[in-house]
PDB file of all heavy atoms in Angstrom:
ATOM      1  N   THR A   1       0.130 -12.237  13.873  1.00  0.00           N
ATOM      2  CA  THR A   1      -0.072 -11.687  12.505  1.00  0.00           C
ATOM      3  C   THR A   1       0.949 -10.531  12.341  1.00  0.00           C
ATOM      4  O   THR A   1       1.195  -9.796  13.314  1.00  0.00           O
ATOM      5  CB  THR A   1      -1.475 -11.204  12.271  1.00  0.00           C
ATOM      6  OG1 THR A   1      -2.413 -12.230  12.575  1.00  0.00           O
ATOM      7  CG2 THR A   1      -1.671 -10.703  10.863  1.00  0.00           C
ATOM      8  N   LEU A   2       1.481 -10.425  11.182  1.00  0.00           N
ATOM      9  CA  LEU A   2       2.326  -9.257  10.824  1.00  0.00           C
ATOM     10  C   LEU A   2       1.403  -8.167  10.249  1.00  0.00           C
ATOM     11  O   LEU A   2       0.681  -8.408   9.270  1.00  0.00           O
ATOM     12  CB  LEU A   2       3.413  -9.655   9.872  1.00  0.00           C
ATOM     13  CG  LEU A   2       4.346  -8.531   9.409  1.00  0.00           C
ATOM     14  CD1 LEU A   2       5.194  -8.066  10.522  1.00  0.00           C
ATOM     15  CD2 LEU A   2       5.210  -9.007   8.265  1.00  0.00           C
ATOM     16  N   LEU A   3       1.400  -7.022  10.817  1.00  0.00           N
ATOM     17  CA  LEU A   3       0.581  -5.898  10.400  1.00  0.00           C
ATOM     18  C   LEU A   3       1.456  -4.849   9.774  1.00  0.00           C
ATOM     19  O   LEU A   3       2.463  -4.416  10.320  1.00  0.00           O
ATOM     20  CB  LEU A   3      -0.189  -5.298  11.589  1.00  0.00           C
ATOM     21  CG  LEU A   3      -1.079  -6.215  12.425  1.00  0.00           C
ATOM     22  CD1 LEU A   3      -1.701  -5.473  13.565  1.00  0.00           C
ATOM     23  CD2 LEU A   3      -2.121  -6.871  11.539  1.00  0.00           C
ATOM     24  N   ALA A   4       1.101  -4.517   8.504  1.00  0.00           N
ATOM     25  CA  ALA A   4       1.774  -3.454   7.813  1.00  0.00           C
ATOM     26  C   ALA A   4       0.849  -2.272   7.672  1.00  0.00           C
ATOM     27  O   ALA A   4      -0.336  -2.405   7.230  1.00  0.00           O
ATOM     28  CB  ALA A   4       2.238  -3.912   6.436  1.00  0.00           C
ATOM     29  N   VAL A   5       1.251  -1.075   8.139  1.00  0.00           N
ATOM     30  CA  VAL A   5       0.441   0.107   8.115  1.00  0.00           C
ATOM     31  C   VAL A   5       1.041   1.041   7.096  1.00  0.00           C
ATOM     32  O   VAL A   5       2.169   1.518   7.179  1.00  0.00           O
ATOM     33  CB  VAL A   5       0.395   0.715   9.503  1.00  0.00           C
ATOM     34  CG1 VAL A   5      -0.507   2.001   9.432  1.00  0.00           C
ATOM     35  CG2 VAL A   5      -0.235  -0.233  10.514  1.00  0.00           C
ATOM     36  N   ILE A   6       0.282   1.334   6.043  1.00  0.00           N
ATOM     37  CA  ILE A   6       0.719   2.250   4.962  1.00  0.00           C
ATOM     38  C   ILE A   6       0.077   3.598   5.289  1.00  0.00           C
ATOM     39  O   ILE A   6      -1.118   3.785   5.393  1.00  0.00           O
ATOM     40  CB  ILE A   6       0.225   1.727   3.648  1.00  0.00           C
ATOM     41  CG1 ILE A   6       0.756   0.311   3.376  1.00  0.00           C
ATOM     42  CG2 ILE A   6       0.632   2.704   2.498  1.00  0.00           C
ATOM     43  CD1 ILE A   6       0.243  -0.311   2.101  1.00  0.00           C
ATOM     44  N   HIS A   7       0.923   4.631   5.364  1.00  0.00           N
ATOM     45  CA  HIS A   7       0.472   5.987   5.652  1.00  0.00           C
ATOM     46  C   HIS A   7      -0.078   6.630   4.429  1.00  0.00           C
ATOM     47  O   HIS A   7       0.568   6.678   3.359  1.00  0.00           O
ATOM     48  CB  HIS A   7       1.608   6.851   6.187  1.00  0.00           C
ATOM     49  CG  HIS A   7       2.053   6.467   7.611  1.00  0.00           C
ATOM     50  ND1 HIS A   7       1.702   7.192   8.721  1.00  0.00           N
ATOM     51  CD2 HIS A   7       2.734   5.350   8.094  1.00  0.00           C
ATOM     52  CE1 HIS A   7       2.182   6.599   9.774  1.00  0.00           C
ATOM     53  NE2 HIS A   7       2.799   5.458   9.405  1.00  0.00           N
ATOM     54  N   LEU A   8      -1.305   7.179   4.556  1.00  0.00           N
ATOM     55  CA  LEU A   8      -1.951   7.904   3.427  1.00  0.00           C
ATOM     56  C   LEU A   8      -1.661   9.364   3.636  1.00  0.00           C
ATOM     57  O   LEU A   8      -2.318  10.052   4.439  1.00  0.00           O
ATOM     58  CB  LEU A   8      -3.460   7.604   3.448  1.00  0.00           C
ATOM     59  CG  LEU A   8      -3.864   6.129   3.418  1.00  0.00           C
ATOM     60  CD1 LEU A   8      -5.387   5.965   3.469  1.00  0.00           C
ATOM     61  CD2 LEU A   8      -3.293   5.464   2.127  1.00  0.00           C
ATOM     62  N   GLU A   9      -0.683   9.888   2.946  1.00  0.00           N
ATOM     63  CA  GLU A   9      -0.229  11.259   3.152  1.00  0.00           C
ATOM     64  C   GLU A   9      -1.123  12.264   2.423  1.00  0.00           C
ATOM     65  O   GLU A   9      -1.699  11.910   1.348  1.00  0.00           O
ATOM     66  CB  GLU A   9       1.247  11.382   2.730  1.00  0.00           C
ATOM     67  CG  GLU A   9       2.143  10.431   3.444  1.00  0.00           C
ATOM     68  CD  GLU A   9       3.560  10.480   2.861  1.00  0.00           C
ATOM     69  OE1 GLU A   9       3.802  11.280   1.921  1.00  0.00           O
ATOM     70  OE2 GLU A   9       4.408   9.677   3.331  1.00  0.00           O
ATOM     71  N   GLU A  10      -1.182  13.439   2.987  1.00  0.00           N
ATOM     72  CA  GLU A  10      -1.955  14.516   2.336  1.00  0.00           C
ATOM     73  C   GLU A  10      -1.277  14.944   1.041  1.00  0.00           C
ATOM     74  O   GLU A  10      -0.053  14.974   0.951  1.00  0.00           O
ATOM     75  CB  GLU A  10      -2.064  15.711   3.286  1.00  0.00           C
ATOM     76  CG  GLU A  10      -2.846  15.438   4.547  1.00  0.00           C
ATOM     77  CD  GLU A  10      -3.020  16.679   5.409  1.00  0.00           C
ATOM     78  OE1 GLU A  10      -2.551  17.774   4.940  1.00  0.00           O
ATOM     79  OE2 GLU A  10      -3.573  16.625   6.505  1.00  0.00           O
ATOM     80  N   GLY A  11      -2.095  15.256   0.025  1.00  0.00           N
ATOM     81  CA  GLY A  11      -1.527  15.643  -1.261  1.00  0.00           C
ATOM     82  C   GLY A  11      -1.305  14.466  -2.185  1.00  0.00           C
ATOM     83  O   GLY A  11      -0.966  14.680  -3.340  1.00  0.00           O
ATOM     84  N   ARG A  12      -1.482  13.255  -1.741  1.00  0.00           N
ATOM     85  CA  ARG A  12      -1.315  12.053  -2.557  1.00  0.00           C
ATOM     86  C   ARG A  12      -2.686  11.400  -2.718  1.00  0.00           C
ATOM     87  O   ARG A  12      -3.372  11.210  -1.730  1.00  0.00           O
ATOM     88  CB  ARG A  12      -0.325  11.119  -1.971  1.00  0.00           C
ATOM     89  CG  ARG A  12      -0.158   9.820  -2.800  1.00  0.00           C
ATOM     90  CD  ARG A  12       0.894   8.907  -2.176  1.00  0.00           C
ATOM     91  NE  ARG A  12       2.188   9.444  -2.377  1.00  0.00           N
ATOM     92  CZ  ARG A  12       3.139   9.455  -1.433  1.00  0.00           C
ATOM     93  NH1 ARG A  12       2.905   8.998  -0.256  1.00  0.00           N
ATOM     94  NH2 ARG A  12       4.343   9.965  -1.662  1.00  0.00           N
ATOM     95  N   SER A  13      -3.044  11.022  -3.915  1.00  0.00           N
ATOM     96  CA  SER A  13      -4.369  10.470  -4.153  1.00  0.00           C
ATOM     97  C   SER A  13      -4.435   9.074  -3.553  1.00  0.00           C
ATOM     98  O   SER A  13      -3.426   8.391  -3.421  1.00  0.00           O
ATOM     99  CB  SER A  13      -4.629  10.387  -5.671  1.00  0.00           C
ATOM    100  OG  SER A  13      -3.691   9.463  -6.303  1.00  0.00           O
ATOM    101  N   LEU A  14      -5.646   8.714  -3.175  1.00  0.00           N
ATOM    102  CA  LEU A  14      -5.875   7.396  -2.570  1.00  0.00           C
ATOM    103  C   LEU A  14      -5.567   6.286  -3.562  1.00  0.00           C
ATOM    104  O   LEU A  14      -5.052   5.227  -3.228  1.00  0.00           O
ATOM    105  CB  LEU A  14      -7.315   7.273  -2.050  1.00  0.00           C
ATOM    106  CG  LEU A  14      -7.654   5.971  -1.408  1.00  0.00           C
ATOM    107  CD1 LEU A  14      -6.862   5.657  -0.240  1.00  0.00           C
ATOM    108  CD2 LEU A  14      -9.191   5.908  -1.089  1.00  0.00           C
ATOM    109  N   GLU A  15      -5.829   6.562  -4.837  1.00  0.00           N
ATOM    110  CA  GLU A  15      -5.615   5.555  -5.911  1.00  0.00           C
ATOM    111  C   GLU A  15      -4.145   5.179  -5.996  1.00  0.00           C
ATOM    112  O   GLU A  15      -3.785   4.048  -6.193  1.00  0.00           O
ATOM    113  CB  GLU A  15      -6.126   6.076  -7.226  1.00  0.00           C
ATOM    114  CG  GLU A  15      -7.663   6.137  -7.337  1.00  0.00           C
ATOM    115  CD  GLU A  15      -8.255   7.311  -6.599  1.00  0.00           C
ATOM    116  OE1 GLU A  15      -7.426   8.204  -6.186  1.00  0.00           O
ATOM    117  OE2 GLU A  15      -9.456   7.304  -6.340  1.00  0.00           O
ATOM    118  N   SER A  16      -3.273   6.218  -5.953  1.00  0.00           N
ATOM    119  CA  SER A  16      -1.798   5.918  -6.051  1.00  0.00           C
ATOM    120  C   SER A  16      -1.327   5.146  -4.805  1.00  0.00           C
ATOM    121  O   SER A  16      -0.488   4.231  -4.945  1.00  0.00           O
ATOM    122  CB  SER A  16      -1.026   7.240  -6.188  1.00  0.00           C
ATOM    123  OG  SER A  16      -1.192   8.046  -5.037  1.00  0.00           O
ATOM    124  N   SER A  17      -1.863   5.453  -3.624  1.00  0.00           N
ATOM    125  CA  SER A  17      -1.486   4.713  -2.455  1.00  0.00           C
ATOM    126  C   SER A  17      -1.977   3.267  -2.569  1.00  0.00           C
ATOM    127  O   SER A  17      -1.278   2.337  -2.120  1.00  0.00           O
ATOM    128  CB  SER A  17      -2.033   5.361  -1.200  1.00  0.00           C
ATOM    129  OG  SER A  17      -1.511   6.634  -1.040  1.00  0.00           O
ATOM    130  N   ILE A  18      -3.200   3.072  -3.073  1.00  0.00           N
ATOM    131  CA  ILE A  18      -3.698   1.685  -3.250  1.00  0.00           C
ATOM    132  C   ILE A  18      -2.874   0.915  -4.266  1.00  0.00           C
ATOM    133  O   ILE A  18      -2.630  -0.230  -4.080  1.00  0.00           O
ATOM    134  CB  ILE A  18      -5.185   1.780  -3.668  1.00  0.00           C
ATOM    135  CG1 ILE A  18      -6.061   2.294  -2.517  1.00  0.00           C
ATOM    136  CG2 ILE A  18      -5.679   0.357  -4.085  1.00  0.00           C
ATOM    137  CD1 ILE A  18      -7.485   2.448  -2.853  1.00  0.00           C
ATOM    138  N   ASP A  19      -2.423   1.666  -5.275  1.00  0.00           N
ATOM    139  CA  ASP A  19      -1.563   0.988  -6.299  1.00  0.00           C
ATOM    140  C   ASP A  19      -0.249   0.501  -5.613  1.00  0.00           C
ATOM    141  O   ASP A  19       0.257  -0.578  -5.887  1.00  0.00           O
ATOM    142  CB  ASP A  19      -1.250   1.947  -7.446  1.00  0.00           C
ATOM    143  CG  ASP A  19      -0.305   1.337  -8.412  1.00  0.00           C
ATOM    144  OD1 ASP A  19      -0.643   0.287  -9.019  1.00  0.00           O
ATOM    145  OD2 ASP A  19       0.818   1.897  -8.634  1.00  0.00           O
ATOM    146  N   PHE A  20       0.306   1.344  -4.711  1.00  0.00           N
ATOM    147  CA  PHE A  20       1.500   0.945  -4.030  1.00  0.00           C
ATOM    148  C   PHE A  20       1.206  -0.301  -3.117  1.00  0.00           C
ATOM    149  O   PHE A  20       1.982  -1.237  -3.107  1.00  0.00           O
ATOM    150  CB  PHE A  20       1.999   2.069  -3.099  1.00  0.00           C
ATOM    151  CG  PHE A  20       3.187   1.765  -2.310  1.00  0.00           C
ATOM    152  CD1 PHE A  20       4.468   1.864  -2.815  1.00  0.00           C
ATOM    153  CD2 PHE A  20       3.065   1.333  -0.980  1.00  0.00           C
ATOM    154  CE1 PHE A  20       5.611   1.538  -2.047  1.00  0.00           C
ATOM    155  CE2 PHE A  20       4.165   1.003  -0.241  1.00  0.00           C
ATOM    156  CZ  PHE A  20       5.427   1.126  -0.731  1.00  0.00           C
ATOM    157  N   ALA A  21       0.049  -0.293  -2.464  1.00  0.00           N
ATOM    158  CA  ALA A  21      -0.349  -1.402  -1.613  1.00  0.00           C
ATOM    159  C   ALA A  21      -0.562  -2.702  -2.472  1.00  0.00           C
ATOM    160  O   ALA A  21      -0.138  -3.776  -2.040  1.00  0.00           O
ATOM    161  CB  ALA A  21      -1.620  -1.107  -0.838  1.00  0.00           C
ATOM    162  N   ASP A  22      -1.130  -2.552  -3.635  1.00  0.00           N
ATOM    163  CA  ASP A  22      -1.315  -3.683  -4.589  1.00  0.00           C
ATOM    164  C   ASP A  22       0.032  -4.301  -4.926  1.00  0.00           C
ATOM    165  O   ASP A  22       0.193  -5.525  -4.918  1.00  0.00           O
ATOM    166  CB  ASP A  22      -2.045  -3.253  -5.800  1.00  0.00           C
ATOM    167  CG  ASP A  22      -3.540  -3.008  -5.578  1.00  0.00           C
ATOM    168  OD1 ASP A  22      -4.059  -3.628  -4.625  1.00  0.00           O
ATOM    169  OD2 ASP A  22      -4.143  -2.262  -6.320  1.00  0.00           O
ATOM    170  N   ARG A  23       0.993  -3.440  -5.271  1.00  0.00           N
ATOM    171  CA  ARG A  23       2.304  -3.945  -5.660  1.00  0.00           C
ATOM    172  C   ARG A  23       2.979  -4.637  -4.484  1.00  0.00           C
ATOM    173  O   ARG A  23       3.574  -5.691  -4.624  1.00  0.00           O
ATOM    174  CB  ARG A  23       3.211  -2.762  -6.139  1.00  0.00           C
ATOM    175  CG  ARG A  23       2.700  -2.130  -7.415  1.00  0.00           C
ATOM    176  CD  ARG A  23       3.503  -0.855  -7.668  1.00  0.00           C
ATOM    177  NE  ARG A  23       3.011  -0.101  -8.837  1.00  0.00           N
ATOM    178  CZ  ARG A  23       3.709   0.079  -9.937  1.00  0.00           C
ATOM    179  NH1 ARG A  23       4.928  -0.409 -10.074  1.00  0.00           N
ATOM    180  NH2 ARG A  23       3.198   0.717 -10.963  1.00  0.00           N
ATOM    181  N   PHE A  24       2.893  -4.047  -3.256  1.00  0.00           N
ATOM    182  CA  PHE A  24       3.570  -4.652  -2.079  1.00  0.00           C
ATOM    183  C   PHE A  24       2.863  -5.970  -1.729  1.00  0.00           C
ATOM    184  O   PHE A  24       3.543  -6.970  -1.436  1.00  0.00           O
ATOM    185  CB  PHE A  24       3.507  -3.636  -0.921  1.00  0.00           C
ATOM    186  CG  PHE A  24       4.240  -4.107   0.287  1.00  0.00           C
ATOM    187  CD1 PHE A  24       5.578  -4.438   0.212  1.00  0.00           C
ATOM    188  CD2 PHE A  24       3.609  -4.243   1.500  1.00  0.00           C
ATOM    189  CE1 PHE A  24       6.269  -4.897   1.329  1.00  0.00           C
ATOM    190  CE2 PHE A  24       4.286  -4.679   2.633  1.00  0.00           C
ATOM    191  CZ  PHE A  24       5.618  -4.994   2.521  1.00  0.00           C
ATOM    192  N   ALA A  25       1.551  -6.005  -1.772  1.00  0.00           N
ATOM    193  CA  ALA A  25       0.842  -7.226  -1.454  1.00  0.00           C
ATOM    194  C   ALA A  25       1.195  -8.338  -2.461  1.00  0.00           C
ATOM    195  O   ALA A  25       1.386  -9.496  -2.100  1.00  0.00           O
ATOM    196  CB  ALA A  25      -0.664  -7.003  -1.451  1.00  0.00           C
ATOM    197  N   ARG A  26       1.280  -7.989  -3.729  1.00  0.00           N
ATOM    198  CA  ARG A  26       1.632  -8.957  -4.762  1.00  0.00           C
ATOM    199  C   ARG A  26       3.055  -9.506  -4.509  1.00  0.00           C
ATOM    200  O   ARG A  26       3.308 -10.699  -4.659  1.00  0.00           O
ATOM    201  CB  ARG A  26       1.550  -8.313  -6.138  1.00  0.00           C
ATOM    202  CG  ARG A  26       1.656  -9.322  -7.323  1.00  0.00           C
ATOM    203  CD  ARG A  26       1.626  -8.604  -8.636  1.00  0.00           C
ATOM    204  NE  ARG A  26       0.512  -7.640  -8.711  1.00  0.00           N
ATOM    205  CZ  ARG A  26       0.674  -6.338  -8.816  1.00  0.00           C
ATOM    206  NH1 ARG A  26       1.881  -5.810  -8.916  1.00  0.00           N
ATOM    207  NH2 ARG A  26      -0.382  -5.547  -8.875  1.00  0.00           N
ATOM    208  N   ASN A  27       3.969  -8.590  -4.107  1.00  0.00           N
ATOM    209  CA  ASN A  27       5.326  -9.018  -3.819  1.00  0.00           C
ATOM    210  C   ASN A  27       5.366 -10.037  -2.663  1.00  0.00           C
ATOM    211  O   ASN A  27       6.068 -11.014  -2.679  1.00  0.00           O
ATOM    212  CB  ASN A  27       6.188  -7.803  -3.519  1.00  0.00           C
ATOM    213  CG  ASN A  27       7.654  -8.103  -3.357  1.00  0.00           C
ATOM    214  OD1 ASN A  27       8.041  -8.826  -2.458  1.00  0.00           O
ATOM    215  ND2 ASN A  27       8.459  -7.485  -4.238  1.00  0.00           N
ATOM    216  N   LEU A  28       4.565  -9.744  -1.609  1.00  0.00           N
ATOM    217  CA  LEU A  28       4.558 -10.608  -0.478  1.00  0.00           C
ATOM    218  C   LEU A  28       3.871 -11.944  -0.782  1.00  0.00           C
ATOM    219  O   LEU A  28       4.317 -13.002  -0.319  1.00  0.00           O
ATOM    220  CB  LEU A  28       3.820  -9.969   0.715  1.00  0.00           C
ATOM    221  CG  LEU A  28       4.488  -8.738   1.376  1.00  0.00           C
ATOM    222  CD1 LEU A  28       3.683  -8.239   2.531  1.00  0.00           C
ATOM    223  CD2 LEU A  28       5.898  -9.041   1.812  1.00  0.00           C
ATOM    224  N   ARG A  29       2.855 -11.915  -1.608  1.00  0.00           N
ATOM    225  CA  ARG A  29       2.154 -13.195  -1.919  1.00  0.00           C
ATOM    226  C   ARG A  29       3.050 -14.159  -2.745  1.00  0.00           C
ATOM    227  O   ARG A  29       2.909 -15.386  -2.664  1.00  0.00           O
ATOM    228  CB  ARG A  29       0.863 -12.913  -2.727  1.00  0.00           C
ATOM    229  CG  ARG A  29      -0.206 -12.278  -1.906  1.00  0.00           C
ATOM    230  CD  ARG A  29      -1.548 -12.229  -2.662  1.00  0.00           C
ATOM    231  NE  ARG A  29      -2.576 -11.610  -1.904  1.00  0.00           N
ATOM    232  CZ  ARG A  29      -3.090 -10.400  -2.158  1.00  0.00           C
ATOM    233  NH1 ARG A  29      -2.640  -9.674  -3.146  1.00  0.00           N
ATOM    234  NH2 ARG A  29      -4.075  -9.929  -1.399  1.00  0.00           N
ATOM    235  N   GLU A  30       3.952 -13.583  -3.500  1.00  0.00           N
ATOM    236  CA  GLU A  30       4.920 -14.407  -4.276  1.00  0.00           C
ATOM    237  C   GLU A  30       6.064 -14.946  -3.423  1.00  0.00           C
ATOM    238  O   GLU A  30       6.924 -15.753  -3.898  1.00  0.00           O
ATOM    239  CB  GLU A  30       5.478 -13.582  -5.432  1.00  0.00           C
ATOM    240  CG  GLU A  30       4.433 -13.130  -6.468  1.00  0.00           C
ATOM    241  CD  GLU A  30       4.987 -12.149  -7.479  1.00  0.00           C
ATOM    242  OE1 GLU A  30       6.158 -11.728  -7.297  1.00  0.00           O
ATOM    243  OE2 GLU A  30       4.269 -11.827  -8.426  1.00  0.00           O
TER     244      GLU A  30
END
């Protein structure tokens, strides 16, 4: 399995990081 680890940095909201993950996952699924 290919594992991608997205760093959740301090000062950035979890929602914005999840939005980034959503975009990246959508790109990979296509």
